[in-house]
Protein backbone atom coordinates (compact mmCIF):
# COMPACT_ATOMS: atom_id res chain seq x y z
CA MET A 1 -213.76 -164.60 67.37
CA LYS A 2 -216.74 -162.70 65.88
CA LYS A 3 -218.41 -165.75 64.70
CA ILE A 4 -218.30 -167.39 68.19
CA ILE A 5 -219.56 -164.16 69.69
CA LYS A 6 -222.42 -163.84 67.14
CA TYR A 7 -223.29 -167.49 67.80
CA VAL A 8 -223.42 -167.18 71.49
CA LEU A 9 -225.28 -163.89 71.39
CA VAL A 10 -228.03 -165.15 69.11
CA ASP A 11 -228.32 -168.34 71.02
CA ILE A 12 -228.77 -166.55 74.29
CA ILE A 13 -231.03 -163.93 72.96
CA GLN A 14 -233.53 -166.80 71.83
CA ASN A 15 -233.26 -168.42 75.35
CA ARG A 16 -236.69 -168.42 77.18
CA ILE A 17 -234.87 -167.68 80.37
CA VAL A 18 -233.42 -164.42 79.10
CA LEU A 19 -236.65 -163.27 77.38
CA ILE A 20 -238.51 -163.89 80.80
CA TYR A 21 -235.72 -162.02 82.59
CA THR A 22 -236.14 -159.12 80.08
CA LEU A 23 -239.95 -159.15 80.35
CA PHE A 24 -239.85 -159.37 84.30
CA LEU A 25 -237.52 -156.27 84.38
CA LEU A 26 -239.56 -154.36 81.89
CA VAL A 27 -242.94 -155.00 83.72
CA THR A 28 -241.46 -154.39 87.20
CA SER A 29 -239.87 -151.20 86.08
CA PHE A 30 -243.11 -149.70 84.40
CA SER A 31 -245.09 -150.89 87.33
CA VAL A 32 -242.79 -149.26 89.91
CA PHE A 33 -242.83 -145.99 88.19
CA SER A 34 -246.70 -145.98 87.60
CA LEU A 35 -247.60 -146.83 91.06
CA GLU A 36 -245.19 -144.47 92.97
CA ASP A 37 -246.11 -140.73 92.98
CA ASN A 38 -242.57 -139.82 94.13
CA SER A 39 -239.86 -140.53 91.55
CA SER A 40 -237.26 -140.95 94.22
CA LYS A 41 -239.18 -143.93 95.67
CA GLY A 42 -239.59 -145.45 92.39
CA LEU A 43 -235.75 -145.05 91.70
CA LEU A 44 -235.04 -146.64 95.00
CA SER A 45 -237.33 -149.48 94.26
CA MET A 46 -235.53 -150.05 90.99
CA LEU A 47 -232.18 -149.83 92.69
CA ASN A 48 -233.22 -152.71 94.99
CA VAL A 49 -234.41 -154.75 92.22
CA SER A 50 -231.30 -154.09 90.16
CA ILE A 51 -228.84 -155.05 93.02
CA LEU A 52 -230.61 -158.23 93.83
CA ILE A 53 -231.82 -159.57 90.52
CA VAL A 54 -229.26 -158.61 88.16
CA PRO A 55 -226.41 -160.43 90.14
CA LEU A 56 -228.48 -163.42 90.69
CA VAL A 57 -229.46 -163.84 87.11
CA SER A 58 -226.02 -163.11 85.80
CA LEU A 59 -224.33 -165.61 88.07
CA VAL A 60 -226.71 -168.52 87.85
CA PHE A 61 -227.63 -168.31 84.07
CA SER A 62 -224.07 -167.85 83.06
CA THR A 63 -222.88 -170.73 85.16
CA ILE A 64 -225.62 -173.00 83.78
CA TYR A 65 -224.89 -171.84 80.27
CA VAL A 66 -221.13 -172.69 80.50
CA TYR A 67 -221.94 -176.27 81.76
CA ASN A 68 -224.58 -176.84 79.04
CA SER A 69 -222.05 -175.59 76.31
CA ALA A 70 -219.31 -178.16 77.38
CA GLU A 71 -219.74 -180.13 74.16
CA PHE A 72 -219.54 -176.72 72.15
CA LEU A 73 -216.50 -175.60 74.01
CA GLU A 74 -214.80 -178.96 73.41
CA LEU A 75 -215.55 -178.70 69.74
CA LEU A 76 -214.09 -175.25 69.37
CA VAL A 77 -210.92 -176.45 71.61
CA SER A 78 -210.34 -179.21 68.97
CA GLN A 79 -210.04 -176.46 66.35
CA PRO A 80 -206.99 -174.49 65.59
CA LEU A 81 -208.41 -171.70 67.73
CA PRO A 82 -206.57 -170.11 70.78
CA ARG A 83 -208.22 -171.04 74.07
CA LYS A 84 -207.99 -167.33 75.11
CA LYS A 85 -210.10 -166.17 72.20
CA ILE A 86 -212.74 -168.91 72.89
CA TRP A 87 -213.21 -168.01 76.33
CA LEU A 88 -213.33 -164.30 75.75
CA SER A 89 -215.78 -164.88 73.03
CA LEU A 90 -218.01 -166.80 75.26
CA TYR A 91 -217.77 -163.95 77.93
CA THR A 92 -218.36 -161.36 75.53
CA GLY A 93 -221.54 -163.01 73.98
CA LEU A 94 -222.93 -163.71 77.38
CA THR A 95 -222.22 -160.30 78.69
CA ALA A 96 -223.65 -158.59 75.58
CA ALA A 97 -226.80 -160.58 75.61
CA LEU A 98 -227.58 -159.96 79.51
CA MET A 99 -226.67 -156.34 79.14
CA LEU A 100 -229.12 -155.93 76.19
CA ALA A 101 -231.81 -157.55 78.26
CA PHE A 102 -231.08 -155.03 81.24
CA LEU A 103 -231.05 -152.04 78.92
CA VAL A 104 -234.45 -153.07 77.50
CA GLY A 105 -235.95 -154.11 80.94
CA VAL A 106 -234.56 -151.22 83.09
CA GLY A 107 -232.72 -148.75 80.86
CA ILE A 108 -235.62 -147.79 78.72
CA PRO A 109 -238.19 -147.24 81.50
CA LEU A 110 -235.64 -145.10 83.61
CA PHE A 111 -235.07 -142.79 80.65
CA VAL A 112 -238.58 -142.50 79.85
CA TYR A 113 -239.63 -141.76 83.40
CA GLU A 114 -236.44 -139.90 84.98
CA PRO A 115 -234.04 -138.91 82.26
CA GLY A 116 -230.97 -137.46 83.56
CA LEU A 117 -227.73 -138.28 85.48
CA THR A 118 -229.39 -140.62 87.96
CA ALA A 119 -230.77 -142.74 85.11
CA VAL A 120 -227.41 -142.90 83.50
CA LEU A 121 -225.68 -143.93 86.71
CA MET A 122 -228.45 -146.59 87.53
CA THR A 123 -228.03 -147.94 84.07
CA MET A 124 -224.27 -147.89 84.16
CA SER A 125 -224.42 -149.63 87.53
CA GLY A 126 -226.62 -152.47 86.12
CA LEU A 127 -224.15 -152.90 83.17
CA PHE A 128 -221.17 -152.99 85.39
CA LEU A 129 -222.88 -155.59 87.83
CA THR A 130 -223.89 -157.69 84.81
CA ALA A 131 -220.18 -157.81 83.44
CA ILE A 132 -218.81 -158.39 86.87
CA PHE A 133 -221.13 -161.28 87.83
CA VAL A 134 -220.87 -162.95 84.32
CA ALA A 135 -217.01 -162.98 84.88
CA ILE A 136 -217.42 -164.24 88.41
CA ALA A 137 -219.71 -166.94 87.11
CA LEU A 138 -217.17 -168.18 84.41
CA LEU A 139 -214.50 -168.35 87.18
CA ALA A 140 -216.86 -170.36 89.35
CA SER A 141 -217.66 -172.77 86.43
CA VAL A 142 -214.22 -173.30 85.31
CA LYS A 143 -212.86 -174.11 88.79
CA THR A 144 -214.91 -177.31 88.99
CA ARG A 145 -216.47 -179.99 86.67
CA ASP A 146 -219.45 -180.71 88.79
CA LYS A 147 -222.46 -178.78 87.56
CA ALA A 148 -224.49 -179.00 90.78
CA LYS A 149 -221.41 -177.84 92.74
CA GLY A 150 -220.63 -175.00 90.33
CA ILE A 151 -224.25 -173.76 90.59
CA GLY A 152 -224.14 -173.95 94.33
CA ILE A 153 -221.00 -171.89 94.25
CA ALA A 154 -222.77 -169.27 92.21
CA ILE A 155 -225.74 -169.18 94.57
CA LEU A 156 -223.35 -168.76 97.73
CA LEU A 157 -221.38 -166.12 95.87
CA TRP A 158 -224.68 -164.01 95.40
CA LEU A 159 -225.65 -164.66 98.91
CA TYR A 160 -222.29 -163.34 100.07
CA PHE A 161 -222.09 -160.24 97.89
CA SER A 162 -225.90 -159.30 98.20
CA ILE A 163 -226.73 -160.26 101.76
CA LEU A 164 -224.03 -161.76 103.96
CA PHE A 165 -221.23 -158.88 103.20
CA ASP A 166 -223.60 -156.21 104.59
CA GLY A 167 -224.24 -158.34 107.63
CA LEU A 168 -220.55 -158.70 108.24
CA VAL A 169 -220.07 -154.97 107.92
CA LEU A 170 -222.80 -154.21 110.43
CA PHE A 171 -221.12 -156.76 112.89
CA LEU A 172 -217.80 -154.90 112.66
CA LEU A 173 -219.44 -151.50 113.21
CA PHE A 174 -221.35 -152.78 116.15
CA GLN A 175 -218.21 -154.41 117.71
CA PHE A 176 -215.98 -151.31 117.02
CA ALA A 177 -218.58 -148.66 117.57
CA ASP A 178 -216.20 -146.73 119.86
CA TYR A 179 -213.61 -146.26 117.08
CA PRO A 180 -214.02 -143.95 114.01
CA LEU A 181 -214.48 -146.38 111.24
CA GLU A 182 -216.29 -144.12 108.96
CA LYS A 183 -213.31 -143.34 106.59
CA TRP A 184 -212.41 -147.04 106.58
CA MET A 185 -215.95 -147.85 105.30
CA VAL A 186 -215.07 -146.29 101.98
CA GLY A 187 -212.20 -148.89 101.65
CA ILE A 188 -214.40 -151.70 102.83
CA SER A 189 -217.22 -150.89 100.34
CA SER A 190 -214.73 -151.32 97.40
CA LEU A 191 -214.48 -155.04 98.50
CA ASN A 192 -218.01 -155.50 97.22
CA PRO A 193 -219.34 -154.36 93.74
CA VAL A 194 -222.87 -154.35 94.81
CA ASP A 195 -222.22 -151.93 97.62
CA LEU A 196 -220.18 -149.69 95.43
CA THR A 197 -223.10 -149.33 92.94
CA ARG A 198 -225.59 -148.83 95.71
CA VAL A 199 -223.63 -146.14 97.39
CA MET A 200 -222.97 -144.36 93.96
CA VAL A 201 -226.68 -144.20 93.11
CA LEU A 202 -227.85 -143.41 96.71
CA LEU A 203 -225.43 -140.30 96.76
CA GLN A 204 -226.86 -139.17 93.43
CA LEU A 205 -230.42 -139.29 95.12
CA ASP A 206 -228.86 -137.13 97.76
CA ILE A 207 -229.97 -139.34 100.49
CA SER A 208 -226.50 -139.25 102.13
CA ALA A 209 -228.11 -136.58 104.67
CA MET A 210 -229.99 -139.48 106.23
CA MET A 211 -226.80 -141.38 106.78
CA GLY A 212 -225.13 -139.02 109.31
CA TYR A 213 -221.45 -138.55 109.35
CA THR A 214 -220.79 -141.81 107.47
CA GLY A 215 -223.03 -140.41 104.60
CA ALA A 216 -220.97 -137.26 104.68
CA VAL A 217 -217.67 -139.15 104.24
CA PHE A 218 -219.14 -141.14 101.33
CA LYS A 219 -220.46 -137.97 99.85
CA ASP A 220 -216.91 -136.46 100.00
CA PHE A 221 -215.32 -139.25 98.26
CA PHE A 222 -218.07 -140.90 95.94
CA GLY A 223 -219.96 -137.68 95.28
CA THR A 224 -216.94 -136.01 93.50
CA ASP A 225 -216.00 -136.47 89.81
CA LEU A 226 -212.71 -138.14 91.00
CA GLY A 227 -214.54 -140.42 93.22
CA ARG A 228 -216.92 -141.61 90.47
CA ILE A 229 -213.89 -142.11 88.31
CA ILE A 230 -212.12 -144.26 91.07
CA THR A 231 -215.38 -146.36 91.66
CA GLY A 232 -215.64 -146.90 87.98
CA LEU A 233 -211.98 -148.11 87.98
CA PHE A 234 -212.72 -150.39 90.91
CA LEU A 235 -215.86 -151.78 89.14
CA LEU A 236 -213.82 -152.44 85.97
CA ALA A 237 -211.15 -154.26 88.11
CA TRP A 238 -213.96 -156.36 89.56
CA ALA A 239 -214.80 -157.52 86.08
CA ILE A 240 -211.28 -157.89 84.71
CA ILE A 241 -209.49 -159.82 87.48
CA PRO A 242 -212.00 -162.78 87.68
CA LEU A 243 -212.05 -162.89 83.85
CA TRP A 244 -208.23 -162.94 83.65
CA ILE A 245 -208.20 -165.64 86.24
CA SER A 246 -210.70 -167.81 84.49
CA THR A 247 -209.05 -167.32 81.11
CA ARG A 248 -205.72 -168.60 82.64
CA LEU A 249 -207.52 -171.54 84.11
CA PHE A 250 -209.47 -172.47 80.96
CA HIS A 251 -206.25 -172.18 79.03
CA LYS A 252 -204.58 -174.94 81.28
CA LYS A 253 -207.83 -176.91 81.85
CA ASP A 254 -207.93 -180.66 80.60
CA LEU A 255 -211.34 -180.83 78.70
């Protein structure tokens, strides 16, 4: 298992797309903090970059990598190796490489310009998003043999989690504006890992005062230590459940 992880990790680190991704994040991070006089604005800009770019790259790159590694996976399956270990090794290698890219591209500038709890939360949120969307990408790729269809599913999932979900939530809020849905919004937010990470970081920046009563409800839950622990458990579940399902599917899949 260690040899497979090492091979995948080295292979991905040497990939041009990952190098470009790391360089893009690094240049963007230093540019944002250098241009913004207010550190809070810089953090907000970096948060927007993280919740859009990290899920997109994690989903699309991981999906393409799995399809391009089809022959490699067939070779491994033909060996006396448990399929579960093969799949988990692939996931671990992908996740570790993309996490390393995020740490270099975003983590280092954050701790250089804004060391503290906010930097820790933003870094952790990016690492969680990477792990979650790599797991979702593996699930999407194992569900279909067609490479184009698999990439299409990955892009649609990114659109849903990053854009469409918020639109649906706003639609519900407008449709049921006469009802007190603020407390329900805490539960609804847990259905989207991107929203969970966004709310967690925004509350740390103390912007909840601009969100009215809804912001106060969020702060009462997500702003506490217990709330952060529960949020972390939700994010962990978002990574574990898709990975568990994809592992079971890969175990039964006829290659």
